[in-house]
Amino acid sequence: MTIIRRRTAAAVALLALLLPVPVMAASTASAAPSASADGPVEAAELPAPTGRFAVGQEDLHLVDRSRTDPWAGSGPRELMVTMRYPAQHGTGRAPAPYLSTEEARLILADKHLDQFIDPAAFAATRSHARAGARPVQGRYPLVVLSPGFTVPRATISSLAEDLASRGYVVAAVDHAYESAATAFPGGRILTCLACDRSREPGGHAAVARVRAEDVSFLLDRLTARQPAWRHAGLIDQRRIAMGGHSMGGSAALAAMTADQRIRAGFDMDGGLPEPLAAGGIGGRPFMLFGSAASVPGSPANGDWSGAWPQLDGWKRWVTVDGTDHFGPTDFPAIRDQLGLPHPEAPLSGSRTIELTRTYAAAFFDQHLKGQPRPVLDGPRADAPEVRFHNP
């Protein structure tokens, strides 16, 4: 059992982790009691997947020798990818940890929180996929998921597991040098060399373009005659989509613009370029799914209103009241289990994740599986937190 240095201090500190800037870290220092006050605290657990399949998991290390890494300035571009897939119940073994302890320490240190949260506790967050589980044979749509800037692919595990349980192959990608910490083979942990560059003029667009190239390379490796993944035969190459949180959502649009294999895009609170590239996305479906701050006219993420008219296919703009920028990730569930409601995001973590899963799955079901989902048609009495916009 792992130890958190006092439940209250840890919860306050994790709250700071979820805010756009780490300004709360200094204010928590004087409030942090001793480590022994409350005794041991068990690690958090992600909500269980809701689909009919168990979930298998396997990690891939991919190296693109045709590109020099743009952030390091030398060496080939590298990716770490977690593949999740529909699996047979009762097979496989316990998955790798949510994060390594060193990854967790560096991520917390990046937010000035390593003195308030035990990295081992954060790293030990429990998920539900099983490593080495036997796949349920079939052909499934592929969804690529890209995380927010400075945070690793682990932070979108809850959504990835749920989609896999519903009959999708899901590839969650870590883009080298774009997270505060990502473990690579050989004991290497890469940190965020892209962080300073991203603050320069045009930096956001540059990161999105690099991620778009990463995704095209990933698709090449998953659909090649000799694919990089042993279960690649599960993938239906005609049904591919991409989703992402924050920068990952921006990258979904950039990737669709660059790669016609991506049939649909799902942006979770990520900024959009204004204007879109000439020619748009060729009438392909795109959904904006945001926090309460992403209503039309809000300055959050630069607002989506400028790009909205140029989305030339099926489209939706949906926001969820009571949530914040990290609502579509695992963090709402983790912070709830640490015992502190978020004052700017009062919606419970379980409900926040339920809504994210519901609308993401509905979007992919409708546009990759051809299954109409009325939940996408407008407001519903059973989801009063959800608002539809058409500016």
Protein backbone atom coordinates (compact mmCIF):
# COMPACT_ATOMS: atom_id res chain seq x y z
CA MET A 1 0.00 0.00 0.00
CA THR A 2 1.38 3.40 -0.96
CA ILE A 3 1.47 6.47 1.20
CA ILE A 4 0.21 9.96 0.48
CA ARG A 5 1.51 12.67 2.75
CA ARG A 6 -1.80 13.47 4.34
CA ARG A 7 -5.04 13.15 2.33
CA THR A 8 -6.00 16.82 2.53
CA ALA A 9 -2.62 18.16 1.48
CA ALA A 10 -2.43 15.69 -1.39
CA ALA A 11 -5.89 16.53 -2.62
CA VAL A 12 -5.19 20.25 -2.55
CA ALA A 13 -1.94 19.65 -4.36
CA LEU A 14 -3.53 17.49 -7.02
CA LEU A 15 -6.10 20.22 -7.48
CA ALA A 16 -3.21 22.50 -8.38
CA LEU A 17 -1.99 19.92 -10.87
CA LEU A 18 -5.27 20.17 -12.68
CA LEU A 19 -5.21 23.93 -13.06
CA PRO A 20 -3.58 25.60 -16.07
CA VAL A 21 -0.74 27.09 -13.96
CA PRO A 22 0.91 25.78 -10.79
CA VAL A 23 0.28 28.91 -8.72
CA MET A 24 -1.43 27.00 -5.91
CA ALA A 25 1.67 25.01 -5.06
CA ALA A 26 3.21 27.75 -2.93
CA SER A 27 0.00 28.32 -1.00
CA THR A 28 -0.29 24.65 -0.02
CA ALA A 29 3.10 24.51 1.66
CA SER A 30 2.03 26.09 4.92
CA ALA A 31 -1.06 23.89 5.10
CA ALA A 32 0.68 20.54 4.65
CA PRO A 33 0.53 18.51 7.90
CA SER A 34 2.91 15.71 8.77
CA ALA A 35 2.93 12.51 6.77
CA SER A 36 1.71 10.35 9.62
CA ALA A 37 -1.46 12.26 10.50
CA ASP A 38 -3.90 10.12 8.55
CA GLY A 39 -1.84 7.01 7.91
CA PRO A 40 -1.70 5.07 4.64
CA VAL A 41 -4.02 5.86 1.75
CA GLU A 42 -4.71 3.39 -1.04
CA ALA A 43 -4.11 4.35 -4.65
CA ALA A 44 -7.03 5.63 -6.71
CA GLU A 45 -8.85 3.40 -9.18
CA LEU A 46 -10.19 4.44 -12.57
CA PRO A 47 -13.88 3.76 -13.32
CA ALA A 48 -14.49 0.32 -14.77
CA PRO A 49 -15.06 0.11 -18.54
CA THR A 50 -18.73 -0.15 -19.51
CA GLY A 51 -18.62 -2.28 -22.67
CA ARG A 52 -19.14 -6.03 -23.04
CA PHE A 53 -15.52 -6.90 -23.77
CA ALA A 54 -12.60 -7.22 -21.41
CA VAL A 55 -9.67 -5.02 -22.39
CA GLY A 56 -6.20 -6.11 -23.44
CA GLN A 57 -3.17 -3.84 -23.40
CA GLU A 58 0.25 -3.81 -25.04
CA ASP A 59 2.92 -1.08 -25.32
CA LEU A 60 4.83 -0.30 -28.51
CA HIS A 61 8.04 1.66 -29.02
CA LEU A 62 8.15 3.07 -32.54
CA VAL A 63 11.11 4.80 -34.21
CA ASP A 64 10.69 6.95 -37.33
CA ARG A 65 14.15 7.00 -38.89
CA SER A 66 12.93 9.19 -41.74
CA ARG A 67 12.60 12.20 -39.39
CA THR A 68 15.00 13.93 -37.05
CA ASP A 69 13.33 14.72 -33.76
CA PRO A 70 12.29 18.39 -34.05
CA TRP A 71 12.67 19.15 -30.34
CA ALA A 72 15.95 17.36 -29.61
CA GLY A 73 17.47 18.46 -32.91
CA SER A 74 19.16 15.09 -33.36
CA GLY A 75 18.28 11.43 -33.45
CA PRO A 76 15.17 9.86 -34.98
CA ARG A 77 11.64 10.70 -33.88
CA GLU A 78 10.30 8.21 -31.31
CA LEU A 79 6.84 7.38 -30.00
CA MET A 80 5.51 5.31 -27.12
CA VAL A 81 2.07 3.87 -27.83
CA THR A 82 -0.32 1.89 -25.65
CA MET A 83 -2.59 -0.35 -27.71
CA ARG A 84 -5.87 -1.43 -26.11
CA TYR A 85 -8.23 -3.89 -27.73
CA PRO A 86 -11.31 -6.09 -27.12
CA ALA A 87 -10.14 -9.11 -25.17
CA GLN A 88 -11.46 -12.35 -23.77
CA HIS A 89 -12.56 -12.23 -20.16
CA GLY A 90 -10.30 -14.01 -17.70
CA THR A 91 -7.17 -13.81 -19.84
CA GLY A 92 -3.98 -11.80 -19.47
CA ARG A 93 -2.16 -10.56 -16.42
CA ALA A 94 -2.20 -7.38 -14.38
CA PRO A 95 -1.16 -4.38 -16.49
CA ALA A 96 1.97 -2.33 -16.06
CA PRO A 97 1.66 0.49 -13.52
CA TYR A 98 -0.28 3.59 -14.47
CA LEU A 99 3.06 5.43 -14.50
CA SER A 100 6.52 4.57 -13.30
CA THR A 101 7.36 6.21 -9.99
CA GLU A 102 10.02 8.35 -11.67
CA GLU A 103 7.56 9.54 -14.33
CA ALA A 104 5.09 10.44 -11.59
CA ARG A 105 7.81 12.27 -9.62
CA LEU A 106 8.84 14.36 -12.62
CA ILE A 107 5.26 15.20 -13.56
CA LEU A 108 4.54 16.31 -10.00
CA ALA A 109 7.83 18.24 -9.82
CA ASP A 110 6.90 20.04 -13.04
CA LYS A 111 3.88 21.42 -11.17
CA HIS A 112 5.88 22.01 -7.94
CA LEU A 113 3.82 19.31 -6.20
CA ASP A 114 6.37 16.59 -5.49
CA GLN A 115 6.54 17.61 -1.81
CA PHE A 116 2.79 17.14 -1.35
CA ILE A 117 1.93 13.96 -3.25
CA ASP A 118 3.84 10.71 -2.92
CA PRO A 119 4.84 9.85 -6.52
CA ALA A 120 4.44 6.15 -5.75
CA ALA A 121 0.77 6.71 -4.91
CA PHE A 122 0.10 8.66 -8.11
CA ALA A 123 1.97 6.03 -10.14
CA ALA A 124 -0.06 3.22 -8.58
CA THR A 125 -3.45 4.45 -9.84
CA ARG A 126 -5.28 1.27 -10.80
CA SER A 127 -6.66 0.68 -14.28
CA HIS A 128 -8.53 -2.29 -15.77
CA ALA A 129 -6.80 -3.45 -18.96
CA ARG A 130 -4.84 -6.71 -18.78
CA ALA A 131 -1.44 -7.11 -20.39
CA GLY A 132 -1.20 -10.01 -22.81
CA ALA A 133 -4.95 -10.73 -22.82
CA ARG A 134 -6.17 -12.82 -25.75
CA PRO A 135 -8.01 -10.67 -28.31
CA VAL A 136 -11.56 -11.34 -29.38
CA GLN A 137 -11.06 -12.00 -33.06
CA GLY A 138 -12.76 -9.62 -35.47
CA ARG A 139 -12.17 -6.35 -37.32
CA TYR A 140 -12.59 -3.23 -35.25
CA PRO A 141 -12.39 0.52 -35.91
CA LEU A 142 -9.18 2.19 -34.78
CA VAL A 143 -9.22 5.32 -32.61
CA VAL A 144 -5.94 7.20 -32.05
CA LEU A 145 -5.87 9.24 -28.82
CA SER A 146 -3.38 12.02 -28.13
CA PRO A 147 -2.93 13.56 -24.64
CA GLY A 148 -2.62 17.16 -23.54
CA PHE A 149 0.67 19.02 -23.68
CA THR A 150 3.08 18.23 -20.77
CA VAL A 151 1.00 15.24 -19.60
CA PRO A 152 1.47 11.61 -20.69
CA ARG A 153 -0.80 9.19 -22.50
CA ALA A 154 -1.67 7.53 -19.18
CA THR A 155 -3.96 10.47 -18.39
CA ILE A 156 -6.51 9.35 -21.02
CA SER A 157 -6.59 5.72 -19.88
CA SER A 158 -10.19 5.77 -18.68
CA LEU A 159 -11.53 6.78 -22.09
CA ALA A 160 -9.17 4.44 -23.94
CA GLU A 161 -10.20 1.44 -21.83
CA ASP A 162 -13.88 2.19 -22.23
CA LEU A 163 -13.69 2.49 -26.02
CA ALA A 164 -11.80 -0.79 -26.24
CA SER A 165 -14.45 -2.49 -24.11
CA ARG A 166 -17.08 -1.25 -26.59
CA GLY A 167 -15.36 -2.78 -29.61
CA TYR A 168 -12.57 -0.45 -30.70
CA VAL A 169 -8.84 -0.79 -31.05
CA VAL A 170 -7.35 2.27 -29.34
CA ALA A 171 -3.83 3.62 -29.78
CA ALA A 172 -2.86 6.16 -27.10
CA VAL A 173 0.29 8.02 -28.12
CA ASP A 174 3.09 9.69 -26.18
CA HIS A 175 4.93 12.17 -28.41
CA ALA A 176 8.62 12.34 -27.45
CA TYR A 177 9.76 15.44 -25.54
CA GLU A 178 6.22 16.84 -25.21
CA SER A 179 5.46 15.56 -21.72
CA ALA A 180 7.08 16.42 -18.40
CA ALA A 181 8.08 12.75 -18.31
CA THR A 182 7.69 9.73 -20.56
CA ALA A 183 9.51 6.43 -20.04
CA PHE A 184 11.20 4.92 -23.09
CA PRO A 185 13.07 1.61 -23.40
CA GLY A 186 16.51 1.34 -21.87
CA GLY A 187 15.55 3.22 -18.73
CA ARG A 188 15.35 6.57 -20.52
CA ILE A 189 12.82 9.11 -19.35
CA LEU A 190 12.34 11.97 -21.80
CA THR A 191 11.26 15.37 -20.51
CA CYS A 192 9.60 18.33 -22.20
CA LEU A 193 12.13 19.86 -24.58
CA ALA A 194 9.22 21.26 -26.59
CA CYS A 195 7.85 23.33 -23.72
CA ASP A 196 9.92 26.46 -24.31
CA ARG A 197 9.49 26.26 -28.09
CA SER A 198 5.74 26.01 -27.74
CA ARG A 199 5.62 29.47 -26.15
CA GLU A 200 7.19 31.12 -29.18
CA PRO A 201 5.00 32.65 -31.92
CA GLY A 202 3.48 29.82 -33.90
CA GLY A 203 4.56 27.30 -31.28
CA HIS A 204 1.12 25.79 -30.74
CA ALA A 205 0.66 25.18 -34.46
CA ALA A 206 4.17 23.71 -34.69
CA VAL A 207 3.43 21.15 -31.98
CA ALA A 208 0.14 20.21 -33.68
CA ARG A 209 1.95 19.70 -36.99
CA VAL A 210 4.58 17.47 -35.38
CA ARG A 211 1.86 15.39 -33.76
CA ALA A 212 0.04 15.09 -37.09
CA GLU A 213 3.24 13.68 -38.61
CA ASP A 214 3.55 11.31 -35.63
CA VAL A 215 0.04 10.00 -36.22
CA SER A 216 0.56 9.44 -39.93
CA PHE A 217 3.72 7.47 -39.11
CA LEU A 218 1.81 5.46 -36.51
CA LEU A 219 -0.91 4.62 -39.05
CA ASP A 220 1.74 3.58 -41.55
CA ARG A 221 3.27 1.20 -39.01
CA LEU A 222 -0.06 -0.25 -37.88
CA THR A 223 -1.35 -0.86 -41.42
CA ALA A 224 1.86 -1.98 -43.13
CA ARG A 225 2.23 -5.38 -44.76
CA GLN A 226 4.52 -6.23 -41.85
CA PRO A 227 2.92 -4.16 -39.08
CA ALA A 228 4.59 -3.04 -35.88
CA TRP A 229 1.90 -4.61 -33.70
CA ARG A 230 1.29 -8.35 -33.52
CA HIS A 231 -2.50 -7.91 -33.29
CA ALA A 232 -2.75 -5.41 -36.16
CA GLY A 233 -5.09 -7.78 -37.97
CA LEU A 234 -7.80 -6.60 -35.56
CA ILE A 235 -7.78 -3.15 -37.19
CA ASP A 236 -10.28 -2.29 -39.91
CA GLN A 237 -8.14 0.06 -42.00
CA ARG A 238 -11.22 1.66 -43.57
CA ARG A 239 -12.48 2.91 -40.21
CA ILE A 240 -9.95 5.16 -38.49
CA ALA A 241 -10.59 8.22 -36.30
CA MET A 242 -8.63 10.40 -33.94
CA GLY A 243 -9.43 12.13 -30.67
CA GLY A 244 -7.40 14.07 -28.19
CA HIS A 245 -7.37 16.27 -25.13
CA SER A 246 -6.15 19.87 -25.25
CA MET A 247 -3.12 19.87 -27.59
CA GLY A 248 -4.15 16.37 -28.58
CA GLY A 249 -7.50 17.72 -29.75
CA SER A 250 -5.75 20.40 -31.80
CA ALA A 251 -3.58 17.69 -33.28
CA ALA A 252 -6.66 15.67 -34.26
CA LEU A 253 -7.70 18.45 -36.62
CA ALA A 254 -4.15 18.90 -37.91
CA ALA A 255 -3.86 15.15 -38.53
CA MET A 256 -7.17 15.02 -40.39
CA THR A 257 -6.04 17.89 -42.60
CA ALA A 258 -2.84 16.03 -43.46
CA ASP A 259 -4.08 12.42 -43.66
CA GLN A 260 -7.21 11.34 -45.50
CA ARG A 261 -7.20 7.97 -43.74
CA ILE A 262 -8.62 9.66 -40.63
CA ARG A 263 -12.37 9.69 -41.16
CA ALA A 264 -13.50 11.60 -38.06
CA GLY A 265 -12.09 13.80 -35.28
CA PHE A 266 -13.02 14.41 -31.64
CA ASP A 267 -11.48 17.43 -29.91
CA MET A 268 -11.67 17.51 -26.10
CA ASP A 269 -11.06 21.13 -25.08
CA GLY A 270 -8.24 21.78 -27.53
CA GLY A 271 -7.67 25.04 -29.38
CA LEU A 272 -8.25 25.29 -33.12
CA PRO A 273 -6.31 27.27 -35.72
CA GLU A 274 -8.00 30.26 -37.29
CA PRO A 275 -8.52 30.02 -40.16
CA LEU A 276 -8.36 26.34 -41.00
CA ALA A 277 -6.11 25.17 -43.78
CA ALA A 278 -7.45 25.79 -47.28
CA GLY A 279 -9.86 23.05 -48.19
CA GLY A 280 -10.84 22.33 -44.60
CA ILE A 281 -11.27 18.67 -43.76
CA GLY A 282 -13.19 17.59 -46.82
CA GLY A 283 -16.61 17.28 -45.22
CA ARG A 284 -15.49 14.75 -42.62
CA PRO A 285 -17.23 14.80 -39.20
CA PHE A 286 -15.68 16.69 -36.32
CA MET A 287 -16.90 17.16 -32.76
CA LEU A 288 -15.87 19.78 -30.20
CA PHE A 289 -16.39 18.53 -26.66
CA GLY A 290 -15.37 21.05 -24.04
CA SER A 291 -15.44 22.28 -20.51
CA ALA A 292 -17.84 24.86 -19.19
CA ALA A 293 -15.30 27.51 -20.21
CA SER A 294 -15.58 26.52 -23.89
CA VAL A 295 -18.98 28.09 -24.53
CA PRO A 296 -19.14 30.44 -27.53
CA GLY A 297 -17.44 33.74 -26.85
CA SER A 298 -15.18 32.41 -24.13
CA PRO A 299 -11.47 33.28 -24.39
CA ALA A 300 -10.58 29.73 -23.33
CA ASN A 301 -8.55 27.92 -25.99
CA GLY A 302 -8.81 31.00 -28.17
CA ASP A 303 -12.50 30.19 -28.66
CA TRP A 304 -13.75 27.85 -31.39
CA SER A 305 -16.02 30.38 -33.10
CA GLY A 306 -13.52 31.41 -35.78
CA ALA A 307 -12.96 27.86 -36.99
CA TRP A 308 -16.54 26.66 -36.55
CA PRO A 309 -17.92 27.87 -39.94
CA GLN A 310 -15.08 26.12 -41.75
CA LEU A 311 -15.87 22.70 -40.33
CA ASP A 312 -17.67 21.64 -43.50
CA GLY A 313 -19.12 18.27 -42.56
CA TRP A 314 -21.24 16.87 -39.72
CA LYS A 315 -20.26 18.80 -36.60
CA ARG A 316 -21.22 19.36 -32.99
CA TRP A 317 -20.11 21.83 -30.33
CA VAL A 318 -20.92 20.45 -26.88
CA THR A 319 -19.91 21.70 -23.43
CA VAL A 320 -20.40 20.20 -19.99
CA ASP A 321 -21.28 22.46 -17.07
CA GLY A 322 -19.42 21.93 -13.81
CA THR A 323 -16.20 20.75 -15.47
CA ASP A 324 -12.76 22.22 -16.13
CA HIS A 325 -10.11 21.82 -18.80
CA PHE A 326 -9.02 18.42 -17.45
CA GLY A 327 -12.57 17.05 -17.30
CA PRO A 328 -12.11 14.61 -20.23
CA THR A 329 -9.06 13.01 -18.57
CA ASP A 330 -8.61 10.62 -15.63
CA PHE A 331 -7.97 13.46 -13.18
CA PRO A 332 -11.57 14.10 -12.01
CA ALA A 333 -11.86 10.52 -10.75
CA ILE A 334 -8.42 10.62 -9.12
CA ARG A 335 -8.99 13.88 -7.28
CA ASP A 336 -12.42 12.77 -6.03
CA GLN A 337 -10.84 9.70 -4.47
CA LEU A 338 -8.29 11.91 -2.77
CA GLY A 339 -11.21 13.57 -1.02
CA LEU A 340 -11.39 17.15 -2.28
CA PRO A 341 -14.07 18.55 -4.62
CA HIS A 342 -12.74 20.99 -7.18
CA PRO A 343 -14.31 24.42 -6.47
CA GLU A 344 -14.28 25.39 -10.15
CA ALA A 345 -15.46 21.97 -11.34
CA PRO A 346 -18.15 20.77 -8.92
CA LEU A 347 -19.45 17.97 -11.15
CA SER A 348 -18.37 14.65 -9.65
CA GLY A 349 -15.48 12.81 -11.23
CA SER A 350 -17.60 9.73 -11.94
CA ARG A 351 -20.25 11.79 -13.73
CA THR A 352 -17.66 13.79 -15.66
CA ILE A 353 -16.01 10.63 -16.94
CA GLU A 354 -19.39 9.03 -17.67
CA LEU A 355 -20.38 11.94 -19.91
CA THR A 356 -17.03 12.01 -21.70
CA ARG A 357 -17.27 8.30 -22.40
CA THR A 358 -20.91 8.55 -23.51
CA TYR A 359 -20.40 11.33 -26.04
CA ALA A 360 -17.06 10.08 -27.35
CA ALA A 361 -18.43 6.56 -27.90
CA ALA A 362 -21.60 7.93 -29.49
CA PHE A 363 -19.55 10.00 -31.92
CA PHE A 364 -17.31 7.12 -32.95
CA ASP A 365 -20.25 4.67 -33.09
CA GLN A 366 -22.15 6.96 -35.45
CA HIS A 367 -19.26 7.83 -37.74
CA LEU A 368 -17.17 4.65 -37.73
CA LYS A 369 -19.79 1.97 -37.14
CA GLY A 370 -22.76 3.61 -38.87
CA GLN A 371 -24.89 3.33 -35.74
CA PRO A 372 -27.05 6.45 -35.21
CA ARG A 373 -26.79 7.84 -31.68
CA PRO A 374 -29.65 10.17 -30.69
CA VAL A 375 -27.57 11.48 -27.77
CA LEU A 376 -25.74 13.56 -30.39
CA ASP A 377 -28.93 15.22 -31.65
CA GLY A 378 -29.36 17.80 -28.88
CA PRO A 379 -30.09 18.43 -25.20
CA ARG A 380 -31.58 15.63 -23.11
CA ALA A 381 -33.42 15.64 -19.81
CA ASP A 382 -31.12 12.92 -18.45
CA ALA A 383 -28.02 15.05 -19.12
CA PRO A 384 -28.84 18.57 -17.88
CA GLU A 385 -25.11 19.39 -17.61
CA VAL A 386 -24.64 19.06 -21.36
CA ARG A 387 -25.19 22.06 -23.64
CA PHE A 388 -25.21 22.16 -27.45
CA HIS A 389 -24.06 25.27 -29.28
CA ASN A 390 -24.44 26.50 -32.87
CA PRO A 391 -22.89 30.00 -33.03
